[in-house]
Amino acid sequence: TAISLAFGLLSACAGQDVVEGPVALGNFKLGH
């Protein structure tokens, strides 16, 4: 039970590929 709960907690805490908001990159704009 403890092992199952631990795996369940880890699964719940692990989010999908979350894209955080942009960071400060000043005048950066992706060219090529």
PDB file of all heavy atoms in Angstrom:
ATOM      1  N   THR A   1       0.836  -1.201   0.000  1.00  0.00           N
ATOM      2  CA  THR A   1       0.000   0.000   0.000  1.00  0.00           C
ATOM      3  C   THR A   1       0.870   1.250   0.000  1.00  0.00           C
ATOM      4  O   THR A   1       0.601   2.205  -0.738  1.00  0.00           O
ATOM      5  CB  THR A   1      -0.942  -0.002   1.221  1.00  0.00           C
ATOM      6  OG1 THR A   1      -1.738  -1.179   1.177  1.00  0.00           O
ATOM      7  CG2 THR A   1      -1.829   1.231   1.230  1.00  0.00           C
ATOM      8  N   ALA A   2       1.903   1.257   0.823  1.00  0.00           N
ATOM      9  CA  ALA A   2       2.803   2.409   0.892  1.00  0.00           C
ATOM     10  C   ALA A   2       3.507   2.635  -0.447  1.00  0.00           C
ATOM     11  O   ALA A   2       3.624   3.772  -0.915  1.00  0.00           O
ATOM     12  CB  ALA A   2       3.833   2.220   2.003  1.00  0.00           C
ATOM     13  N   ILE A   3       3.948   1.562  -1.079  1.00  0.00           N
ATOM     14  CA  ILE A   3       4.614   1.683  -2.378  1.00  0.00           C
ATOM     15  C   ILE A   3       3.628   2.207  -3.420  1.00  0.00           C
ATOM     16  O   ILE A   3       3.954   3.092  -4.214  1.00  0.00           O
ATOM     17  CB  ILE A   3       5.224   0.334  -2.810  1.00  0.00           C
ATOM     18  CG1 ILE A   3       6.428   0.002  -1.909  1.00  0.00           C
ATOM     19  CG2 ILE A   3       5.657   0.363  -4.269  1.00  0.00           C
ATOM     20  CD1 ILE A   3       6.993  -1.378  -2.104  1.00  0.00           C
ATOM     21  N   SER A   4       2.413   1.680  -3.420  1.00  0.00           N
ATOM     22  CA  SER A   4       1.393   2.142  -4.365  1.00  0.00           C
ATOM     23  C   SER A   4       1.085   3.618  -4.169  1.00  0.00           C
ATOM     24  O   SER A   4       0.947   4.374  -5.129  1.00  0.00           O
ATOM     25  CB  SER A   4       0.109   1.335  -4.214  1.00  0.00           C
ATOM     26  OG  SER A   4       0.342  -0.006  -4.558  1.00  0.00           O
ATOM     27  N   LEU A   5       0.974   4.049  -2.919  1.00  0.00           N
ATOM     28  CA  LEU A   5       0.711   5.454  -2.633  1.00  0.00           C
ATOM     29  C   LEU A   5       1.864   6.336  -3.096  1.00  0.00           C
ATOM     30  O   LEU A   5       1.649   7.420  -3.628  1.00  0.00           O
ATOM     31  CB  LEU A   5       0.450   5.659  -1.143  1.00  0.00           C
ATOM     32  CG  LEU A   5      -0.911   5.175  -0.641  1.00  0.00           C
ATOM     33  CD1 LEU A   5      -0.979   5.281   0.890  1.00  0.00           C
ATOM     34  CD2 LEU A   5      -2.028   5.972  -1.275  1.00  0.00           C
ATOM     35  N   ALA A   6       3.089   5.865  -2.881  1.00  0.00           N
ATOM     36  CA  ALA A   6       4.266   6.638  -3.294  1.00  0.00           C
ATOM     37  C   ALA A   6       4.283   6.816  -4.806  1.00  0.00           C
ATOM     38  O   ALA A   6       4.507   7.918  -5.320  1.00  0.00           O
ATOM     39  CB  ALA A   6       5.552   5.960  -2.828  1.00  0.00           C
ATOM     40  N   PHE A   7       4.019   5.727  -5.550  1.00  0.00           N
ATOM     41  CA  PHE A   7       3.978   5.841  -7.007  1.00  0.00           C
ATOM     42  C   PHE A   7       2.831   6.730  -7.459  1.00  0.00           C
ATOM     43  O   PHE A   7       2.963   7.519  -8.389  1.00  0.00           O
ATOM     44  CB  PHE A   7       3.854   4.460  -7.670  1.00  0.00           C
ATOM     45  CG  PHE A   7       5.164   3.743  -7.803  1.00  0.00           C
ATOM     46  CD1 PHE A   7       5.376   2.546  -7.160  1.00  0.00           C
ATOM     47  CD2 PHE A   7       6.189   4.268  -8.573  1.00  0.00           C
ATOM     48  CE1 PHE A   7       6.582   1.879  -7.271  1.00  0.00           C
ATOM     49  CE2 PHE A   7       7.403   3.609  -8.700  1.00  0.00           C
ATOM     50  CZ  PHE A   7       7.601   2.412  -8.040  1.00  0.00           C
ATOM     51  N   GLY A   8       1.701   6.626  -6.803  1.00  0.00           N
ATOM     52  CA  GLY A   8       0.560   7.474  -7.136  1.00  0.00           C
ATOM     53  C   GLY A   8       0.862   8.938  -6.901  1.00  0.00           C
ATOM     54  O   GLY A   8       0.517   9.807  -7.706  1.00  0.00           O
ATOM     55  N   LEU A   9       1.518   9.232  -5.782  1.00  0.00           N
ATOM     56  CA  LEU A   9       1.887  10.613  -5.475  1.00  0.00           C
ATOM     57  C   LEU A   9       2.866  11.151  -6.503  1.00  0.00           C
ATOM     58  O   LEU A   9       2.727  12.278  -6.979  1.00  0.00           O
ATOM     59  CB  LEU A   9       2.485  10.699  -4.065  1.00  0.00           C
ATOM     60  CG  LEU A   9       2.907  12.078  -3.589  1.00  0.00           C
ATOM     61  CD1 LEU A   9       1.698  13.011  -3.557  1.00  0.00           C
ATOM     62  CD2 LEU A   9       3.536  11.998  -2.223  1.00  0.00           C
ATOM     63  N   LEU A  10       3.857  10.346  -6.849  1.00  0.00           N
ATOM     64  CA  LEU A  10       4.812  10.777  -7.867  1.00  0.00           C
ATOM     65  C   LEU A  10       4.112  11.030  -9.195  1.00  0.00           C
ATOM     66  O   LEU A  10       4.413  11.994  -9.891  1.00  0.00           O
ATOM     67  CB  LEU A  10       5.915   9.730  -8.052  1.00  0.00           C
ATOM     68  CG  LEU A  10       6.999   9.724  -6.994  1.00  0.00           C
ATOM     69  CD1 LEU A  10       7.916   8.526  -7.191  1.00  0.00           C
ATOM     70  CD2 LEU A  10       7.810  11.004  -7.036  1.00  0.00           C
ATOM     71  N   SER A  11       3.186  10.181  -9.553  1.00  0.00           N
ATOM     72  CA  SER A  11       2.450  10.359 -10.812  1.00  0.00           C
ATOM     73  C   SER A  11       1.625  11.635 -10.782  1.00  0.00           C
ATOM     74  O   SER A  11       1.547  12.364 -11.766  1.00  0.00           O
ATOM     75  CB  SER A  11       1.520   9.171 -11.061  1.00  0.00           C
ATOM     76  OG  SER A  11       2.270   8.003 -11.218  1.00  0.00           O
ATOM     77  N   ALA A  12       1.005  11.906  -9.647  1.00  0.00           N
ATOM     78  CA  ALA A  12       0.165  13.102  -9.536  1.00  0.00           C
ATOM     79  C   ALA A  12       1.006  14.372  -9.566  1.00  0.00           C
ATOM     80  O   ALA A  12       0.604  15.386 -10.130  1.00  0.00           O
ATOM     81  CB  ALA A  12      -0.659  13.044  -8.252  1.00  0.00           C
ATOM     82  N   CYS A  13       2.176  14.325  -8.943  1.00  0.00           N
ATOM     83  CA  CYS A  13       3.037  15.510  -8.873  1.00  0.00           C
ATOM     84  C   CYS A  13       3.704  15.802 -10.203  1.00  0.00           C
ATOM     85  O   CYS A  13       4.055  16.941 -10.493  1.00  0.00           O
ATOM     86  CB  CYS A  13       4.116  15.325  -7.807  1.00  0.00           C
ATOM     87  SG  CYS A  13       3.481  15.322  -6.136  1.00  0.00           S
ATOM     88  N   ALA A  14       3.921  14.763 -10.986  1.00  0.00           N
ATOM     89  CA  ALA A  14       4.624  14.950 -12.248  1.00  0.00           C
ATOM     90  C   ALA A  14       3.652  15.460 -13.292  1.00  0.00           C
ATOM     91  O   ALA A  14       2.821  14.729 -13.784  1.00  0.00           O
ATOM     92  CB  ALA A  14       5.253  13.640 -12.696  1.00  0.00           C
ATOM     93  N   GLY A  15       3.749  16.737 -13.604  1.00  0.00           N
ATOM     94  CA  GLY A  15       2.848  17.317 -14.577  1.00  0.00           C
ATOM     95  C   GLY A  15       3.258  16.957 -15.990  1.00  0.00           C
ATOM     96  O   GLY A  15       4.313  16.389 -16.229  1.00  0.00           O
ATOM     97  N   GLN A  16       2.399  17.291 -16.915  1.00  0.00           N
ATOM     98  CA  GLN A  16       2.725  17.111 -18.318  1.00  0.00           C
ATOM     99  C   GLN A  16       3.779  18.151 -18.678  1.00  0.00           C
ATOM    100  O   GLN A  16       4.293  18.852 -17.829  1.00  0.00           O
ATOM    101  CB  GLN A  16       1.458  17.281 -19.154  1.00  0.00           C
ATOM    102  CG  GLN A  16       0.424  16.218 -18.896  1.00  0.00           C
ATOM    103  CD  GLN A  16       0.909  14.826 -19.291  1.00  0.00           C
ATOM    104  OE1 GLN A  16       1.573  14.667 -20.304  1.00  0.00           O
ATOM    105  NE2 GLN A  16       0.582  13.840 -18.498  1.00  0.00           N
ATOM    106  N   ASP A  17       4.084  18.256 -19.940  1.00  0.00           N
ATOM    107  CA  ASP A  17       5.086  19.208 -20.402  1.00  0.00           C
ATOM    108  C   ASP A  17       4.549  20.622 -20.242  1.00  0.00           C
ATOM    109  O   ASP A  17       3.988  21.190 -21.165  1.00  0.00           O
ATOM    110  CB  ASP A  17       5.446  18.938 -21.858  1.00  0.00           C
ATOM    111  CG  ASP A  17       6.105  17.589 -22.035  1.00  0.00           C
ATOM    112  OD1 ASP A  17       6.656  17.080 -21.055  1.00  0.00           O
ATOM    113  OD2 ASP A  17       6.069  17.055 -23.143  1.00  0.00           O
ATOM    114  N   VAL A  18       4.730  21.173 -19.069  1.00  0.00           N
ATOM    115  CA  VAL A  18       4.217  22.500 -18.760  1.00  0.00           C
ATOM    116  C   VAL A  18       5.173  23.541 -19.324  1.00  0.00           C
ATOM    117  O   VAL A  18       6.373  23.500 -19.077  1.00  0.00           O
ATOM    118  CB  VAL A  18       4.076  22.681 -17.228  1.00  0.00           C
ATOM    119  CG1 VAL A  18       3.637  24.087 -16.900  1.00  0.00           C
ATOM    120  CG2 VAL A  18       3.113  21.659 -16.672  1.00  0.00           C
ATOM    121  N   VAL A  19       4.634  24.447 -20.096  1.00  0.00           N
ATOM    122  CA  VAL A  19       5.443  25.537 -20.642  1.00  0.00           C
ATOM    123  C   VAL A  19       5.203  26.750 -19.761  1.00  0.00           C
ATOM    124  O   VAL A  19       4.118  27.313 -19.743  1.00  0.00           O
ATOM    125  CB  VAL A  19       5.075  25.836 -22.110  1.00  0.00           C
ATOM    126  CG1 VAL A  19       5.898  26.998 -22.630  1.00  0.00           C
ATOM    127  CG2 VAL A  19       5.284  24.607 -22.967  1.00  0.00           C
ATOM    128  N   GLU A  20       6.227  27.111 -19.017  1.00  0.00           N
ATOM    129  CA  GLU A  20       6.136  28.275 -18.153  1.00  0.00           C
ATOM    130  C   GLU A  20       6.093  29.526 -19.017  1.00  0.00           C
ATOM    131  O   GLU A  20       6.397  29.487 -20.199  1.00  0.00           O
ATOM    132  CB  GLU A  20       7.356  28.351 -17.218  1.00  0.00           C
ATOM    133  CG  GLU A  20       7.570  27.115 -16.367  1.00  0.00           C
ATOM    134  CD  GLU A  20       8.321  26.008 -17.088  1.00  0.00           C
ATOM    135  OE1 GLU A  20       8.806  26.239 -18.218  1.00  0.00           O
ATOM    136  OE2 GLU A  20       8.400  24.918 -16.538  1.00  0.00           O
ATOM    137  N   GLY A  21       5.750  30.630 -18.398  1.00  0.00           N
ATOM    138  CA  GLY A  21       5.730  31.898 -19.110  1.00  0.00           C
ATOM    139  C   GLY A  21       7.117  32.262 -19.611  1.00  0.00           C
ATOM    140  O   GLY A  21       8.123  31.749 -19.132  1.00  0.00           O
ATOM    141  N   PRO A  22       7.177  33.150 -20.603  1.00  0.00           N
ATOM    142  CA  PRO A  22       8.477  33.578 -21.125  1.00  0.00           C
ATOM    143  C   PRO A  22       9.348  34.213 -20.032  1.00  0.00           C
ATOM    144  O   PRO A  22       8.841  34.784 -19.079  1.00  0.00           O
ATOM    145  CB  PRO A  22       8.111  34.617 -22.187  1.00  0.00           C
ATOM    146  CG  PRO A  22       6.698  34.334 -22.549  1.00  0.00           C
ATOM    147  CD  PRO A  22       6.066  33.786 -21.301  1.00  0.00           C
ATOM    148  N   VAL A  23      10.649  34.065 -20.196  1.00  0.00           N
ATOM    149  CA  VAL A  23      11.616  34.680 -19.291  1.00  0.00           C
ATOM    150  C   VAL A  23      12.098  35.985 -19.935  1.00  0.00           C
ATOM    151  O   VAL A  23      11.783  36.272 -21.087  1.00  0.00           O
ATOM    152  CB  VAL A  23      12.804  33.724 -19.014  1.00  0.00           C
ATOM    153  CG1 VAL A  23      12.329  32.474 -18.296  1.00  0.00           C
ATOM    154  CG2 VAL A  23      13.534  33.354 -20.286  1.00  0.00           C
ATOM    155  N   ALA A  24      12.859  36.774 -19.202  1.00  0.00           N
ATOM    156  CA  ALA A  24      13.368  38.043 -19.727  1.00  0.00           C
ATOM    157  C   ALA A  24      14.469  37.774 -20.754  1.00  0.00           C
ATOM    158  O   ALA A  24      15.558  37.331 -20.393  1.00  0.00           O
ATOM    159  CB  ALA A  24      13.900  38.906 -18.590  1.00  0.00           C
ATOM    160  N   LEU A  25      14.155  38.030 -22.033  1.00  0.00           N
ATOM    161  CA  LEU A  25      15.162  37.875 -23.084  1.00  0.00           C
ATOM    162  C   LEU A  25      15.315  39.158 -23.907  1.00  0.00           C
ATOM    163  O   LEU A  25      15.719  39.112 -25.064  1.00  0.00           O
ATOM    164  CB  LEU A  25      14.811  36.701 -24.004  1.00  0.00           C
ATOM    165  CG  LEU A  25      15.040  35.305 -23.434  1.00  0.00           C
ATOM    166  CD1 LEU A  25      14.727  34.234 -24.475  1.00  0.00           C
ATOM    167  CD2 LEU A  25      16.442  35.126 -22.908  1.00  0.00           C
ATOM    168  N   GLY A  26      15.003  40.289 -23.301  1.00  0.00           N
ATOM    169  CA  GLY A  26      15.254  41.584 -23.931  1.00  0.00           C
ATOM    170  C   GLY A  26      14.762  41.683 -25.352  1.00  0.00           C
ATOM    171  O   GLY A  26      13.593  41.470 -25.638  1.00  0.00           O
ATOM    172  N   ASN A  27      15.689  41.980 -26.271  1.00  0.00           N
ATOM    173  CA  ASN A  27      15.319  42.215 -27.662  1.00  0.00           C
ATOM    174  C   ASN A  27      15.321  40.936 -28.515  1.00  0.00           C
ATOM    175  O   ASN A  27      15.262  41.003 -29.736  1.00  0.00           O
ATOM    176  CB  ASN A  27      16.232  43.276 -28.283  1.00  0.00           C
ATOM    177  CG  ASN A  27      17.697  42.862 -28.275  1.00  0.00           C
ATOM    178  OD1 ASN A  27      18.035  41.710 -28.059  1.00  0.00           O
ATOM    179  ND2 ASN A  27      18.575  43.818 -28.510  1.00  0.00           N
ATOM    180  N   PHE A  28      15.353  39.770 -27.887  1.00  0.00           N
ATOM    181  CA  PHE A  28      15.430  38.485 -28.605  1.00  0.00           C
ATOM    182  C   PHE A  28      14.178  38.203 -29.430  1.00  0.00           C
ATOM    183  O   PHE A  28      13.052  38.300 -28.961  1.00  0.00           O
ATOM    184  CB  PHE A  28      15.624  37.330 -27.627  1.00  0.00           C
ATOM    185  CG  PHE A  28      15.663  35.973 -28.289  1.00  0.00           C
ATOM    186  CD1 PHE A  28      16.852  35.480 -28.797  1.00  0.00           C
ATOM    187  CD2 PHE A  28      14.519  35.204 -28.414  1.00  0.00           C
ATOM    188  CE1 PHE A  28      16.901  34.242 -29.410  1.00  0.00           C
ATOM    189  CE2 PHE A  28      14.550  33.952 -29.025  1.00  0.00           C
ATOM    190  CZ  PHE A  28      15.743  33.477 -29.523  1.00  0.00           C
ATOM    191  N   LYS A  29      14.409  37.845 -30.689  1.00  0.00           N
ATOM    192  CA  LYS A  29      13.364  37.327 -31.562  1.00  0.00           C
ATOM    193  C   LYS A  29      14.021  36.226 -32.391  1.00  0.00           C
ATOM    194  O   LYS A  29      15.071  36.445 -33.000  1.00  0.00           O
ATOM    195  CB  LYS A  29      12.808  38.419 -32.473  1.00  0.00           C
ATOM    196  CG  LYS A  29      11.666  37.927 -33.337  1.00  0.00           C
ATOM    197  CD  LYS A  29      10.996  39.081 -34.058  1.00  0.00           C
ATOM    198  CE  LYS A  29       9.732  38.570 -34.732  1.00  0.00           C
ATOM    199  NZ  LYS A  29       8.782  39.637 -34.957  1.00  0.00           N
ATOM    200  N   LEU A  30      13.411  35.049 -32.387  1.00  0.00           N
ATOM    201  CA  LEU A  30      13.995  33.907 -33.092  1.00  0.00           C
ATOM    202  C   LEU A  30      13.943  34.129 -34.595  1.00  0.00           C
ATOM    203  O   LEU A  30      12.878  34.340 -35.170  1.00  0.00           O
ATOM    204  CB  LEU A  30      13.260  32.619 -32.717  1.00  0.00           C
ATOM    205  CG  LEU A  30      13.816  31.327 -33.331  1.00  0.00           C
ATOM    206  CD1 LEU A  30      15.255  31.075 -32.866  1.00  0.00           C
ATOM    207  CD2 LEU A  30      12.930  30.143 -32.951  1.00  0.00           C
ATOM    208  N   GLY A  31      15.103  34.098 -35.203  1.00  0.00           N
ATOM    209  CA  GLY A  31      15.199  34.173 -36.656  1.00  0.00           C
ATOM    210  C   GLY A  31      15.228  32.759 -37.209  1.00  0.00           C
ATOM    211  O   GLY A  31      14.239  32.037 -37.142  1.00  0.00           O
ATOM    212  N   HIS A  32      16.371  32.348 -37.705  1.00  0.00           N
ATOM    213  CA  HIS A  32      16.517  30.986 -38.224  1.00  0.00           C
ATOM    214  C   HIS A  32      16.720  30.019 -37.068  1.00  0.00           C
ATOM    215  O   HIS A  32      17.464  30.297 -36.123  1.00  0.00           O
ATOM    216  CB  HIS A  32      17.696  30.896 -39.193  1.00  0.00           C
ATOM    217  CG  HIS A  32      17.524  31.746 -40.415  1.00  0.00           C
ATOM    218  ND1 HIS A  32      16.618  31.453 -41.398  1.00  0.00           N
ATOM    219  CD2 HIS A  32      18.146  32.891 -40.785  1.00  0.00           C
ATOM    220  CE1 HIS A  32      16.679  32.376 -42.341  1.00  0.00           C
ATOM    221  NE2 HIS A  32      17.599  33.275 -41.994  1.00  0.00           N
TER     222      HIS A  32
END
